[in-house]
Protein backbone atom coordinates (compact mmCIF):
# COMPACT_ATOMS: atom_id res chain seq x y z
CA MET A 1 -13.19 26.49 -19.42
CA GLY A 2 -12.09 25.89 -15.44
CA LEU A 3 -11.79 22.44 -13.97
CA PHE A 4 -14.69 21.81 -12.28
CA ALA A 5 -16.73 22.61 -15.77
CA VAL A 6 -14.43 20.60 -17.36
CA CYS A 7 -15.66 17.41 -15.37
CA PHE A 8 -18.77 18.22 -15.53
CA VAL A 9 -18.49 18.14 -19.68
CA VAL A 10 -16.53 14.99 -19.01
CA SER A 11 -19.70 13.44 -16.73
CA MET A 12 -21.78 14.34 -19.52
CA LEU A 13 -19.85 12.80 -22.06
CA ILE A 14 -18.91 9.32 -19.80
CA GLY A 15 -22.47 8.90 -18.15
CA THR A 16 -22.70 5.29 -16.22
CA GLY A 17 -25.29 2.99 -16.62
CA GLY A 18 -25.14 1.64 -13.05
CA ALA A 19 -25.98 2.93 -9.93
CA ARG A 20 -25.57 6.25 -9.00
CA TYR A 21 -23.89 7.36 -5.89
CA GLU A 22 -24.95 10.32 -4.07
CA PRO A 23 -22.46 12.70 -2.12
CA ASN A 24 -23.26 11.35 1.57
CA TRP A 25 -21.73 8.82 2.96
CA LYS A 26 -24.58 6.55 3.31
CA SER A 27 -24.43 6.13 -0.44
CA ILE A 28 -20.50 6.23 -0.87
CA ASP A 29 -20.27 3.55 1.69
CA SER A 30 -22.78 1.39 -0.10
CA ARG A 31 -20.62 0.86 -3.44
CA PRO A 32 -19.33 -2.43 -3.58
CA LEU A 33 -15.25 -2.72 -3.31
CA PRO A 34 -14.08 -3.66 -6.89
CA GLN A 35 -13.22 -7.50 -6.85
CA TRP A 36 -9.85 -6.91 -8.28
CA TYR A 37 -8.56 -5.52 -5.09
CA ASP A 38 -9.50 -8.21 -2.97
CA ARG A 39 -7.91 -10.96 -5.23
CA ALA A 40 -4.62 -8.86 -5.48
CA LYS A 41 -3.39 -9.10 -2.01
CA PHE A 42 -0.14 -7.22 -2.12
CA GLY A 43 0.77 -4.20 -3.41
CA ILE A 44 4.00 -1.97 -3.11
CA PHE A 45 4.36 1.85 -1.76
CA ILE A 46 6.47 4.30 -3.08
CA HIS A 47 7.02 7.20 -0.91
CA TRP A 48 9.29 9.58 -3.13
CA GLY A 49 9.98 13.45 -2.53
CA VAL A 50 11.68 16.73 -1.55
CA PHE A 51 12.05 14.69 1.73
CA SER A 52 14.19 12.22 -0.22
CA VAL A 53 17.18 14.95 -0.47
CA PRO A 54 17.96 15.13 2.83
CA SER A 55 16.93 11.62 3.14
CA PHE A 56 17.67 11.96 6.92
CA GLY A 57 15.47 10.86 9.88
CA SER A 58 12.07 10.66 8.49
CA GLU A 59 9.92 11.87 5.18
CA TRP A 60 8.45 14.50 7.81
CA PHE A 61 11.69 16.16 7.81
CA TRP A 62 9.81 19.68 6.86
CA TRP A 63 7.98 19.21 9.61
CA TYR A 64 10.17 18.06 12.51
CA TRP A 65 13.22 20.74 11.69
CA GLN A 66 10.92 23.82 11.23
CA LYS A 67 7.98 23.30 13.41
CA GLU A 68 8.66 21.08 15.94
CA LYS A 69 12.72 21.96 16.13
CA LEU A 70 13.79 18.40 16.93
CA LYS A 71 17.28 18.58 17.79
CA PRO A 72 18.35 15.89 15.54
CA TYR A 73 17.21 17.44 13.05
CA VAL A 74 18.23 20.72 13.34
CA ASP A 75 21.91 19.83 14.59
CA PHE A 76 21.85 18.32 11.21
CA MET A 77 21.01 21.32 9.58
CA GLN A 78 23.52 23.52 11.50
CA ARG A 79 26.05 21.17 10.53
CA ASN A 80 25.85 20.74 7.09
CA TYR A 81 24.03 23.59 5.38
CA PRO A 82 23.93 27.36 5.56
CA PRO A 83 22.32 29.17 8.33
CA ASP A 84 20.03 30.88 5.81
CA PHE A 85 19.10 27.51 3.96
CA ARG A 86 15.43 27.06 3.05
CA TYR A 87 13.75 23.50 3.16
CA GLN A 88 12.76 24.77 -0.57
CA ASP A 89 16.39 25.11 -1.45
CA PHE A 90 16.18 20.92 -1.38
CA ALA A 91 14.39 21.24 -4.73
CA PRO A 92 16.95 21.64 -7.09
CA GLN A 93 18.68 18.91 -5.81
CA PHE A 94 15.98 16.22 -6.26
CA THR A 95 17.25 15.22 -9.22
CA ALA A 96 16.05 11.58 -10.14
CA GLU A 97 19.52 11.57 -12.46
CA PHE A 98 19.36 7.58 -12.12
CA PHE A 99 15.29 7.30 -12.23
CA ASP A 100 14.79 4.48 -14.89
CA ALA A 101 10.74 3.41 -14.84
CA LYS A 102 11.23 0.82 -16.63
CA GLU A 103 13.81 -0.71 -14.69
CA TRP A 104 11.81 0.40 -11.57
CA THR A 105 8.67 -1.43 -13.00
CA ASP A 106 11.34 -4.57 -13.31
CA ILE A 107 12.15 -4.72 -9.79
CA LEU A 108 8.71 -3.93 -8.71
CA ALA A 109 7.12 -7.07 -10.77
CA SER A 110 9.65 -9.28 -9.46
CA SER A 111 8.09 -8.83 -6.08
CA GLY A 112 4.99 -10.38 -6.95
CA ALA A 113 2.95 -7.46 -6.18
CA LYS A 114 -0.45 -6.56 -8.12
CA TYR A 115 -0.12 -3.26 -7.96
CA ILE A 116 1.54 0.37 -7.12
CA VAL A 117 0.74 3.11 -4.98
CA LEU A 118 3.17 6.18 -5.85
CA THR A 119 3.31 9.00 -3.68
CA THR A 120 2.44 11.80 -5.78
CA LYS A 121 2.18 14.69 -3.25
CA HIS A 122 3.31 14.08 0.48
CA HIS A 123 2.32 17.08 2.98
CA GLU A 124 5.33 19.01 2.11
CA GLY A 125 2.88 19.93 -0.99
CA PHE A 126 5.79 19.64 -3.89
CA THR A 127 4.32 17.41 -6.52
CA LEU A 128 5.69 14.61 -8.76
CA TRP A 129 3.58 16.00 -11.85
CA GLY A 130 3.48 19.41 -13.25
CA SER A 131 0.41 19.98 -10.89
CA LYS A 132 -1.32 23.21 -12.84
CA SER A 133 -2.07 24.30 -8.70
CA SER A 134 1.38 24.00 -7.61
CA TRP A 135 3.32 26.64 -9.41
CA ASN A 136 7.45 26.34 -9.29
CA TRP A 137 6.77 23.43 -6.32
CA ASN A 138 6.67 20.72 -8.68
CA ALA A 139 8.74 18.23 -10.46
CA VAL A 140 7.97 19.48 -13.92
CA ASP A 141 9.10 23.25 -12.85
CA VAL A 142 11.87 21.94 -10.24
CA GLY A 143 14.61 19.40 -9.81
CA PRO A 144 14.10 16.58 -12.23
CA LYS A 145 12.56 18.65 -14.69
CA ARG A 146 10.27 15.43 -15.61
CA ASP A 147 6.70 13.93 -15.13
CA LEU A 148 7.42 11.51 -12.40
CA VAL A 149 3.89 10.40 -12.35
CA ASP A 150 3.64 9.60 -16.11
CA GLU A 151 6.88 8.28 -16.63
CA VAL A 152 5.69 5.57 -13.43
CA ALA A 153 2.26 4.84 -15.17
CA SER A 154 3.26 4.41 -18.39
CA ALA A 155 5.84 2.17 -17.62
CA LEU A 156 3.95 0.16 -15.59
CA ARG A 157 1.20 -0.11 -18.17
CA ALA A 158 3.79 -1.02 -20.74
CA ASN A 159 5.63 -3.58 -19.42
CA SER A 160 3.92 -5.55 -16.56
CA ASP A 161 0.31 -6.29 -15.33
CA LEU A 162 0.86 -4.28 -12.45
CA ARG A 163 -2.31 -1.81 -11.52
CA LEU A 164 -1.34 2.22 -10.78
CA GLY A 165 -2.15 3.38 -7.76
CA LEU A 166 -1.57 7.04 -6.55
CA TYR A 167 -1.24 8.23 -2.96
CA HIS A 168 -2.31 12.32 -2.54
CA SER A 169 -2.26 14.18 0.44
CA LEU A 170 -5.21 16.23 1.16
CA PHE A 171 -3.48 19.11 3.46
CA GLU A 172 0.29 20.89 2.86
CA TRP A 173 1.61 21.81 6.33
CA PHE A 174 3.17 25.20 5.45
CA ASN A 175 0.58 26.28 2.72
CA PRO A 176 -0.84 29.98 3.44
CA LEU A 177 -4.17 28.99 2.12
CA PHE A 178 -4.53 26.08 4.21
CA GLU A 179 -3.11 27.87 7.15
CA GLN A 180 -5.54 30.62 6.75
CA ASP A 181 -8.76 28.28 6.50
CA ALA A 182 -7.30 26.69 9.55
CA ALA A 183 -7.33 29.78 11.82
CA ASN A 184 -10.67 29.93 10.58
CA ALA A 185 -11.92 26.97 12.19
CA PHE A 186 -12.17 25.84 8.52
CA THR A 187 -15.34 27.59 7.49
CA THR A 188 -13.47 28.73 4.57
CA ASN A 189 -12.39 26.53 2.12
CA ASP A 190 -10.09 28.28 -0.02
CA PHE A 191 -7.27 25.58 -0.31
CA PRO A 192 -9.28 22.62 -1.19
CA THR A 193 -11.28 24.55 -3.87
CA SER A 194 -7.80 25.89 -5.25
CA LYS A 195 -5.30 23.08 -4.28
CA THR A 196 -6.49 19.84 -3.57
CA LEU A 197 -9.67 19.16 -5.40
CA PRO A 198 -8.12 20.50 -8.71
CA GLU A 199 -5.16 18.25 -8.13
CA LEU A 200 -7.25 15.43 -7.23
CA TYR A 201 -9.11 15.69 -10.56
CA GLU A 202 -6.22 16.35 -12.66
CA LEU A 203 -4.63 13.00 -11.14
CA ILE A 204 -7.42 10.90 -12.04
CA LEU A 205 -8.45 12.57 -15.57
CA LYS A 206 -4.53 12.40 -16.85
CA TYR A 207 -3.21 8.89 -14.91
CA LYS A 208 -6.37 7.39 -14.64
CA PRO A 209 -5.34 5.03 -11.14
CA GLU A 210 -6.61 2.18 -10.11
CA VAL A 211 -6.14 2.86 -6.41
CA LEU A 212 -6.34 6.70 -4.74
CA TRP A 213 -4.52 6.39 -1.83
CA SER A 214 -5.70 9.55 0.55
CA ASP A 215 -4.07 11.09 3.29
CA GLY A 216 -3.56 13.74 5.57
CA ASP A 217 -6.74 15.48 6.65
CA GLY A 218 -4.71 18.19 8.63
CA ASP A 219 -7.65 17.33 11.39
CA ALA A 220 -10.25 19.30 8.83
CA PRO A 221 -13.61 17.21 8.44
CA ASP A 222 -14.52 15.55 5.60
CA LYS A 223 -17.05 18.63 4.59
CA TYR A 224 -14.41 21.30 4.20
CA TRP A 225 -12.86 18.63 1.61
CA ASN A 226 -15.89 17.88 0.11
CA SER A 227 -14.88 14.26 -0.03
CA THR A 228 -18.12 12.68 -0.80
CA GLY A 229 -19.13 15.12 -3.84
CA PHE A 230 -15.73 14.28 -5.15
CA LEU A 231 -15.95 10.41 -4.19
CA ALA A 232 -19.73 10.55 -5.99
CA TRP A 233 -17.86 11.83 -9.07
CA LEU A 234 -15.05 9.48 -9.10
CA TYR A 235 -17.70 6.43 -8.76
CA ASN A 236 -19.83 7.79 -11.25
CA ASP A 237 -18.65 9.40 -14.00
CA SER A 238 -15.02 9.43 -13.77
CA PRO A 239 -12.82 7.63 -16.19
CA VAL A 240 -12.00 4.82 -13.93
CA ARG A 241 -15.46 4.55 -11.80
CA ASP A 242 -15.97 0.82 -12.44
CA THR A 243 -12.60 -0.22 -11.16
CA VAL A 244 -11.08 2.44 -8.84
CA VAL A 245 -10.69 1.67 -5.21
CA THR A 246 -10.34 4.20 -2.36
CA ASN A 247 -9.44 4.04 1.09
CA ASP A 248 -10.51 5.54 4.58
CA ARG A 249 -8.73 9.11 4.80
CA TRP A 250 -10.96 11.81 3.69
CA GLY A 251 -11.41 13.66 6.64
CA TYR A 252 -11.03 14.21 10.33
CA GLY A 253 -13.30 11.30 11.82
CA SER A 254 -13.72 9.39 8.49
CA ILE A 255 -10.45 6.56 8.94
CA CYS A 256 -11.70 3.11 9.78
CA THR A 257 -15.16 4.23 9.35
CA HIS A 258 -15.76 5.36 5.60
CA GLY A 259 -14.89 5.19 2.23
CA GLY A 260 -13.28 2.25 0.59
CA TYR A 261 -11.03 -0.02 2.33
CA TYR A 262 -10.07 0.32 5.56
CA THR A 263 -6.52 1.55 6.89
CA CYS A 264 -7.16 2.47 10.39
CA ALA A 265 -3.79 3.07 11.24
CA ASP A 266 -0.02 2.82 9.76
CA ARG A 267 1.53 -0.62 10.40
CA TYR A 268 -2.32 -1.46 10.77
CA GLN A 269 -2.68 -5.55 12.13
CA PRO A 270 -5.53 -6.50 13.80
CA GLY A 271 -4.48 -9.93 14.34
CA HIS A 272 -7.85 -11.38 13.56
CA LEU A 273 -10.95 -11.21 11.19
CA LEU A 274 -12.28 -8.01 10.34
CA LYS A 275 -16.03 -7.73 8.90
CA HIS A 276 -14.78 -4.60 6.26
CA LYS A 277 -11.83 -5.05 3.81
CA TRP A 278 -8.98 -3.68 5.23
CA GLU A 279 -5.42 -2.84 4.45
CA ASN A 280 -1.87 -3.01 6.46
CA CYS A 281 0.27 -0.22 4.85
CA MET A 282 3.63 -0.77 6.70
CA THR A 283 7.32 0.04 5.39
CA ILE A 284 10.31 -1.86 5.50
CA ASP A 285 12.42 0.52 7.11
CA THR A 286 10.41 0.55 10.21
CA LYS A 287 11.43 4.19 11.02
CA SER A 288 11.11 6.05 8.01
CA TRP A 289 8.45 5.92 4.89
CA GLY A 290 11.09 7.90 2.84
CA TYR A 291 14.81 7.04 2.17
CA ARG A 292 17.10 7.65 5.19
CA ARG A 293 20.89 7.82 4.38
CA ASN A 294 21.16 7.00 8.40
CA ALA A 295 19.37 4.20 8.70
CA ALA A 296 20.99 0.86 10.11
CA LEU A 297 20.55 -2.75 8.96
CA SER A 298 18.80 -3.56 12.06
CA ASP A 299 16.09 -0.71 10.91
CA TYR A 300 15.00 -2.96 8.08
CA LEU A 301 12.69 -5.69 8.25
CA THR A 302 13.86 -9.10 7.64
CA ILE A 303 12.45 -11.56 4.77
CA GLU A 304 11.03 -13.84 7.31
CA GLN A 305 9.37 -10.73 9.02
CA LEU A 306 7.93 -9.47 5.50
CA VAL A 307 6.70 -13.28 4.91
CA ALA A 308 5.11 -13.61 8.24
CA THR A 309 3.48 -10.13 8.14
CA LEU A 310 1.97 -10.76 4.87
CA VAL A 311 0.47 -14.08 5.53
CA GLU A 312 -1.27 -12.89 8.85
CA THR A 313 -2.71 -10.00 6.85
CA VAL A 314 -3.77 -12.21 4.63
CA SER A 315 -5.29 -14.63 6.84
CA CYS A 316 -7.06 -11.53 8.48
CA GLY A 317 -8.45 -10.51 5.62
CA GLY A 318 -6.59 -7.77 4.79
CA ASN A 319 -4.16 -6.70 1.67
CA LEU A 320 -0.58 -5.81 2.29
CA LEU A 321 0.96 -2.31 1.10
CA MET A 322 4.98 -2.86 1.96
CA ASN A 323 6.77 0.33 1.34
CA ILE A 324 10.02 1.29 -0.11
CA GLY A 325 11.86 4.89 0.00
CA PRO A 326 13.82 5.55 -3.32
CA THR A 327 17.05 7.99 -3.31
CA HIS A 328 16.74 11.49 -4.59
CA ASP A 329 18.53 10.78 -7.60
CA GLY A 330 16.09 7.95 -8.26
CA ARG A 331 17.29 4.51 -7.48
CA ILE A 332 15.86 1.79 -5.32
CA ALA A 333 18.12 0.84 -2.88
CA PRO A 334 20.13 -2.65 -3.03
CA ILE A 335 18.48 -3.56 0.39
CA PHE A 336 14.89 -2.73 -0.87
CA GLU A 337 15.39 -4.70 -4.34
CA GLU A 338 16.62 -7.36 -2.16
CA ARG A 339 13.83 -7.53 -0.11
CA LEU A 340 11.22 -6.81 -3.20
CA ARG A 341 12.58 -10.23 -5.21
CA GLN A 342 12.90 -12.09 -1.80
CA MET A 343 8.75 -11.71 -1.49
CA GLY A 344 8.60 -12.94 -5.24
CA GLN A 345 10.85 -15.78 -5.20
CA TRP A 346 8.51 -16.65 -1.97
CA LEU A 347 5.33 -15.93 -4.01
CA LYS A 348 6.37 -18.37 -6.91
CA VAL A 349 6.14 -21.01 -4.76
CA ASN A 350 3.15 -20.22 -2.16
CA GLY A 351 1.07 -17.76 -4.10
CA GLU A 352 -1.47 -20.35 -4.33
CA ALA A 353 -1.98 -19.50 -0.53
CA ILE A 354 -2.39 -15.99 -1.14
CA TYR A 355 -3.82 -14.61 -4.38
CA ASN A 356 -7.70 -15.12 -4.84
CA THR A 357 -7.89 -16.61 -1.45
CA THR A 358 -10.44 -15.34 1.33
CA ALA A 359 -10.21 -15.79 5.28
CA TRP A 360 -11.52 -19.46 6.43
CA ARG A 361 -13.15 -19.88 9.55
CA ALA A 362 -10.12 -19.73 11.79
CA GLN A 363 -7.43 -17.82 10.87
CA ASN A 364 -4.39 -19.36 12.91
CA ASP A 365 -3.85 -22.63 14.63
CA THR A 366 -5.37 -22.40 17.88
CA VAL A 367 -3.07 -25.02 19.35
CA THR A 368 0.40 -25.11 17.13
CA PRO A 369 1.88 -21.82 17.15
CA ASN A 370 2.82 -19.72 14.07
CA ILE A 371 0.49 -21.43 11.69
CA TRP A 372 -2.13 -19.21 9.50
CA TYR A 373 -4.85 -20.27 7.32
CA THR A 374 -6.18 -18.81 4.15
CA PHE A 375 -9.22 -20.87 1.83
CA ARG A 376 -9.78 -20.88 -1.75
CA PRO A 377 -13.67 -21.61 -2.04
CA GLN A 378 -13.93 -22.05 -5.86
CA GLU A 379 -11.53 -24.94 -5.05
CA LYS A 380 -12.16 -26.05 -1.90
CA SER A 381 -8.38 -25.65 -0.75
CA ILE A 382 -7.47 -24.70 2.87
CA PHE A 383 -3.73 -23.52 3.24
CA ALA A 384 -1.92 -23.64 6.56
CA VAL A 385 1.00 -21.55 5.99
CA LEU A 386 3.85 -22.54 8.26
CA LEU A 387 5.77 -19.66 9.41
CA GLU A 388 8.36 -22.04 11.60
CA TRP A 389 9.44 -25.43 10.10
CA PRO A 390 9.51 -28.38 13.11
CA ASN A 391 11.89 -30.29 14.09
CA ASN A 392 10.60 -33.25 15.22
CA GLY A 393 9.63 -34.05 11.15
CA SER A 394 5.95 -33.53 11.60
CA VAL A 395 3.07 -30.91 12.18
CA ILE A 396 0.23 -30.94 14.24
CA LEU A 397 -2.73 -29.09 12.42
CA ASN A 398 -5.59 -28.58 15.17
CA GLU A 399 -8.40 -26.89 13.19
CA PRO A 400 -8.98 -28.67 9.99
CA VAL A 401 -11.40 -31.50 10.27
CA VAL A 402 -10.38 -34.76 8.06
CA THR A 403 -12.20 -37.57 6.73
CA GLN A 404 -9.37 -40.60 6.26
CA GLY A 405 -9.71 -42.00 2.53
CA GLU A 406 -11.15 -38.04 1.35
CA THR A 407 -8.38 -35.76 2.75
CA GLN A 408 -5.55 -34.80 0.79
CA VAL A 409 -2.36 -33.33 1.54
CA ALA A 410 0.31 -31.21 -0.39
CA PHE A 411 3.39 -29.48 0.22
CA LEU A 412 3.44 -26.26 -2.27
CA GLY A 413 6.42 -26.51 -4.09
CA HIS A 414 7.09 -30.43 -3.35
CA GLY A 415 3.95 -32.95 -4.06
CA SER A 416 2.13 -35.02 -1.67
CA LEU A 417 2.65 -35.73 2.29
CA GLN A 418 1.42 -38.88 4.72
CA TRP A 419 -1.17 -37.77 7.26
CA GLU A 420 -3.03 -39.39 10.37
CA PRO A 421 -5.49 -38.04 12.31
CA VAL A 422 -5.23 -36.90 15.69
CA LYS A 423 -7.29 -36.78 18.94
CA PRO A 424 -9.73 -34.95 19.68
CA SER A 425 -9.18 -32.99 16.21
CA GLY A 426 -7.05 -32.29 13.42
CA LEU A 427 -4.12 -33.86 11.88
CA ARG A 428 -0.45 -34.45 11.95
CA VAL A 429 1.74 -34.05 8.73
CA LEU A 430 4.47 -36.37 8.08
CA LEU A 431 6.97 -33.67 6.58
CA PRO A 432 9.74 -34.68 4.23
CA GLN A 433 13.17 -34.72 4.96
CA LEU A 434 14.69 -32.18 2.88
CA SER A 435 18.11 -30.76 3.11
CA PHE A 436 18.18 -26.85 2.84
CA SER A 437 19.04 -26.93 -0.79
CA GLN A 438 16.14 -29.08 -1.77
CA MET A 439 13.38 -26.48 -0.15
CA PRO A 440 10.75 -25.48 -2.08
CA CYS A 441 11.33 -22.11 -0.05
CA GLN A 442 13.21 -20.94 2.70
CA TRP A 443 11.41 -18.37 4.81
CA GLY A 444 7.49 -19.93 4.99
CA TRP A 445 6.05 -23.08 4.02
CA THR A 446 2.54 -23.95 2.94
CA LEU A 447 0.36 -27.30 3.34
CA ARG A 448 -2.70 -27.22 1.01
CA LEU A 449 -4.98 -29.54 2.21
CA THR A 450 -8.44 -30.92 0.09
CA GLY A 451 -11.11 -32.84 0.96
CA ALA A 452 -10.91 -31.37 4.75
CA THR A 453 -13.11 -28.43 6.40
């Protein structure tokens, strides 16, 4: 029995009591986003693959070396490898000998993130599980000879409350079937039929992710990928039909237009509230998503920058998906671990202003710089996050409307604070005089206002 036949049988067995979605964008786009995703606010992206072996320049190493023939990549290969070395020869060196999924889970959970998105296959085509459609170009047949996706999924579910997400590239740079379809102007669809779609069904049925992060349409339209057909099955009949969340990268022209939440662009930060749920996918190493041995310290975002990115993203209604790149041998490098644990330290104090919040009527303070607002309607609490600590012992919040005798201000991690009204509107909050060691956190500070509008 073929994979599509199996999926049909599974559909008949599972059924669904809810609305049925048709294989068209109007119907697919009408599906409400599962609530857990908006409440989560913060996830971790993991880019890991054969590109982690050369760990030079970018996770696009193969493309830049063989297709664009960029000089730094060509010179790197000429200096360090024999003339007949192929990209495929890197795969046996993708060893993962130090990879411990439970250790990863402990580090990832310490970040305060609520979901993890693992790259199962990038544009190079190498799958981190034993894909039946990727013979001898997967982590079970070559390299680690282990199902890395299963190890991550099992560890997450056994040792944390983190939700599993899986990234999957629709196209592959040098797959002959894709190149043939492209040459035919995508009037043939041999590649998605024999490779992409079977892999997508396999990932869902085997690992049951709650985020499916699609990428890389290869400039092919969604009809070529049968995106709406697959998504209709995913939303109607898959084992994760009620909880799965998808993004907007399902074919040329679909980004920021169709799908679940919008990504719009890598490192997307609009700076204002959007009408549709969105995600800022960004990376700690500003020059690469995969691990780079040649990265300089200045290439990594500081914890102050990461906290600011999270706060601005959530204030404007988005989720933050923050990326790390493990090494070929399966380690999360110390600088990534440090940033992850620092984010967790910050969220332990300030998570009330991030998780389960919504955007407020104002995103940032229009007068006092570096202040961003979030809101918890169920508690009628307004949160003002200060990204800079004032030097004069007080801070003016211009946006809230306050009432003497009703409005209360608390400093998260510390306690209640005194305040006074200012004209024409807003309030001046008197900040406590604390030493560095007495501060509840070091990189961003949150005021909670109740009894204000």
